[in-house]
């Protein structure tokens, strides 16, 4: 990638970066109940890594 990113492309990349975050911790008991221990990353819809899959931005 170039050294200077165009502001619009930078904005798109920033949005894609937020989509790969884990879901908040409080979504686990809300979805499964109090006793169930599940990783919050399972609730994230779009899982993308900079190593595995490239973004089309």
Protein backbone atom coordinates (compact mmCIF):
# COMPACT_ATOMS: atom_id res chain seq x y z
CA UNK A 1 0.00 0.00 0.00
CA UNK A 2 1.13 3.51 -0.65
CA UNK A 3 2.59 5.69 2.03
CA UNK A 4 -0.22 8.29 1.88
CA UNK A 5 -3.74 6.94 1.94
CA UNK A 6 -6.57 8.85 0.33
CA UNK A 7 -8.99 10.06 3.04
CA UNK A 8 -11.96 8.16 1.56
CA UNK A 9 -10.01 4.88 1.39
CA UNK A 10 -8.70 5.43 4.91
CA UNK A 11 -12.29 5.90 6.09
CA UNK A 12 -13.36 2.61 4.45
CA UNK A 13 -10.43 0.74 5.97
CA UNK A 14 -11.25 2.16 9.41
CA UNK A 15 -14.82 0.88 9.11
CA UNK A 16 -13.61 -2.59 8.11
CA UNK A 17 -11.27 -2.61 11.10
CA UNK A 18 -14.13 -2.03 13.55
CA UNK A 19 -16.13 -4.91 12.03
CA UNK A 20 -13.49 -7.47 13.00
CA UNK A 21 -13.65 -6.68 16.74
CA UNK A 22 -15.14 -9.06 19.26
CA UNK A 23 -18.68 -8.53 20.42
CA UNK A 24 -19.12 -6.92 23.88
CA UNK A 25 -18.75 -9.31 26.83
CA UNK A 26 -22.30 -8.68 28.07
CA UNK A 27 -23.79 -10.23 24.90
CA UNK A 28 -22.78 -13.73 26.08
CA UNK A 29 -25.17 -14.01 29.08
CA UNK A 30 -27.82 -12.11 27.12
CA UNK A 31 -27.75 -14.67 24.32
CA UNK A 32 -27.01 -17.96 26.12
CA UNK A 33 -27.97 -17.38 29.76
CA UNK A 34 -25.94 -16.83 32.91
CA UNK A 35 -24.13 -20.18 33.20
CA UNK A 36 -22.86 -20.61 29.66
CA UNK A 37 -19.27 -19.62 28.92
CA UNK A 38 -18.79 -18.72 25.27
CA UNK A 39 -16.15 -16.55 23.63
CA UNK A 40 -17.56 -13.17 22.52
CA UNK A 41 -15.74 -13.50 19.20
CA UNK A 42 -18.37 -16.00 18.13
CA UNK A 43 -20.97 -13.22 17.91
CA UNK A 44 -18.93 -11.15 15.48
CA UNK A 45 -20.53 -11.44 12.05
CA UNK A 46 -17.52 -10.60 9.88
CA UNK A 47 -14.25 -12.23 10.86
CA UNK A 48 -11.33 -11.01 8.79
CA UNK A 49 -7.63 -10.89 9.53
CA UNK A 50 -4.98 -8.83 7.79
CA UNK A 51 -3.00 -12.04 7.27
CA UNK A 52 -5.75 -14.39 6.06
CA UNK A 53 -8.25 -12.45 3.96
CA UNK A 54 -7.70 -9.12 2.25
CA UNK A 55 -10.35 -6.42 2.30
CA UNK A 56 -11.80 -5.04 -0.91
CA UNK A 57 -11.64 -1.37 0.07
